[in-house]
Amino acid sequence: MASIKTVGNSGQISLGKQYAGRQVFVEELEPGVWMIKAGQFIADNELWLHEPGVKAQIEESLAWMRQNPPRETDLDELEESLGERKRQGSSRSQ
């Protein structure tokens, strides 16, 4: 549907309330000719998250997280286990 709009003093046009708050892609095809598309867009600094290898790693991590829910840690047991590792490491270096 075509319509005629007036560009205001600040350089803005209104697309209608149904587009309020939405992101739009504006491409200037040539001086005075624009194509406007409503949609959802990925910020440049987040594009790497959508690369096939990274996306697969994220999915793998999410699957692991679902299979291994958080659980309470026994801090005394952890300290003892870390102490044993430290003692084993120091005896290997001698």
Protein backbone atom coordinates (compact mmCIF):
# COMPACT_ATOMS: atom_id res chain seq x y z
CA MET A 1 0.00 0.00 0.00
CA ALA A 2 1.54 3.30 -1.06
CA SER A 3 1.08 6.52 0.87
CA ILE A 4 2.42 10.05 0.85
CA LYS A 5 4.24 11.26 3.98
CA THR A 6 5.78 14.62 4.82
CA VAL A 7 9.30 14.71 6.22
CA GLY A 8 9.28 16.93 9.30
CA ASN A 9 11.79 19.65 10.17
CA SER A 10 13.87 17.15 12.13
CA GLY A 11 14.09 14.79 9.13
CA GLN A 12 11.63 12.24 10.52
CA ILE A 13 8.57 10.54 9.07
CA SER A 14 5.89 8.57 10.88
CA LEU A 15 5.21 5.01 9.77
CA GLY A 16 2.18 4.62 12.03
CA LYS A 17 1.56 3.47 15.59
CA GLN A 18 1.63 -0.20 14.59
CA TYR A 19 5.40 0.19 14.07
CA ALA A 20 6.09 2.13 17.29
CA GLY A 21 9.14 0.73 19.08
CA ARG A 22 9.98 -1.72 16.27
CA GLN A 23 13.33 -1.85 14.53
CA VAL A 24 13.41 -1.05 10.84
CA PHE A 25 16.11 -1.48 8.23
CA VAL A 26 16.39 1.60 6.02
CA GLU A 27 18.34 1.31 2.79
CA GLU A 28 18.90 4.30 0.56
CA LEU A 29 18.78 2.82 -2.95
CA GLU A 30 19.65 6.16 -4.56
CA PRO A 31 19.30 9.77 -3.43
CA GLY A 32 15.67 10.28 -2.43
CA VAL A 33 14.70 6.59 -2.77
CA TRP A 34 14.53 4.43 0.37
CA MET A 35 13.46 0.89 1.08
CA ILE A 36 12.22 0.30 4.63
CA LYS A 37 11.86 -3.19 6.10
CA ALA A 38 10.55 -4.00 9.58
CA GLY A 39 12.30 -6.84 11.35
CA GLN A 40 14.66 -8.02 14.04
CA PHE A 41 18.37 -7.42 13.56
CA ILE A 42 21.55 -8.74 15.11
CA ALA A 43 24.01 -6.19 16.47
CA ASP A 44 27.46 -6.28 14.88
CA ASN A 45 29.12 -7.21 18.17
CA GLU A 46 26.80 -10.26 18.50
CA LEU A 47 27.21 -11.67 14.98
CA TRP A 48 29.94 -14.08 16.12
CA LEU A 49 27.35 -15.88 18.27
CA HIS A 50 25.56 -16.96 15.10
CA GLU A 51 28.56 -18.51 13.34
CA PRO A 52 27.98 -22.26 12.82
CA GLY A 53 30.86 -23.44 15.04
CA VAL A 54 30.02 -21.09 17.89
CA LYS A 55 26.31 -21.83 17.66
CA ALA A 56 27.07 -25.57 17.91
CA GLN A 57 29.26 -25.00 20.99
CA ILE A 58 26.52 -22.97 22.63
CA GLU A 59 23.94 -25.70 21.92
CA GLU A 60 26.32 -28.33 23.32
CA SER A 61 26.85 -26.24 26.45
CA LEU A 62 23.12 -25.73 26.92
CA ALA A 63 22.53 -29.49 26.56
CA TRP A 64 25.22 -30.19 29.20
CA MET A 65 23.63 -27.60 31.49
CA ARG A 66 20.20 -29.25 31.17
CA GLN A 67 21.69 -32.68 31.99
CA ASN A 68 23.79 -31.35 34.90
CA PRO A 69 21.65 -29.07 37.05
CA PRO A 70 23.38 -26.98 39.73
CA ARG A 71 23.93 -28.71 43.04
CA GLU A 72 25.24 -27.63 46.40
CA THR A 73 28.99 -27.93 46.89
CA ASP A 74 30.46 -29.43 50.06
CA LEU A 75 33.22 -26.86 50.65
CA ASP A 76 35.09 -29.05 53.15
CA GLU A 77 35.22 -31.90 50.64
CA LEU A 78 36.32 -29.50 47.88
CA GLU A 79 39.10 -28.05 50.04
CA GLU A 80 40.31 -31.55 50.92
CA SER A 81 40.25 -32.62 47.26
CA LEU A 82 42.20 -29.53 46.20
CA GLY A 83 44.71 -30.09 49.00
CA GLU A 84 45.28 -33.66 47.78
CA ARG A 85 45.87 -32.45 44.23
CA LYS A 86 48.32 -29.82 45.45
CA ARG A 87 50.24 -32.43 47.49
CA GLN A 88 50.28 -34.82 44.51
CA GLY A 89 51.53 -32.05 42.22
CA SER A 90 54.34 -31.03 44.56
CA SER A 91 55.51 -34.64 45.03
CA ARG A 92 55.72 -35.12 41.23
CA SER A 93 57.95 -32.09 40.75
CA GLN A 94 60.56 -33.40 43.27
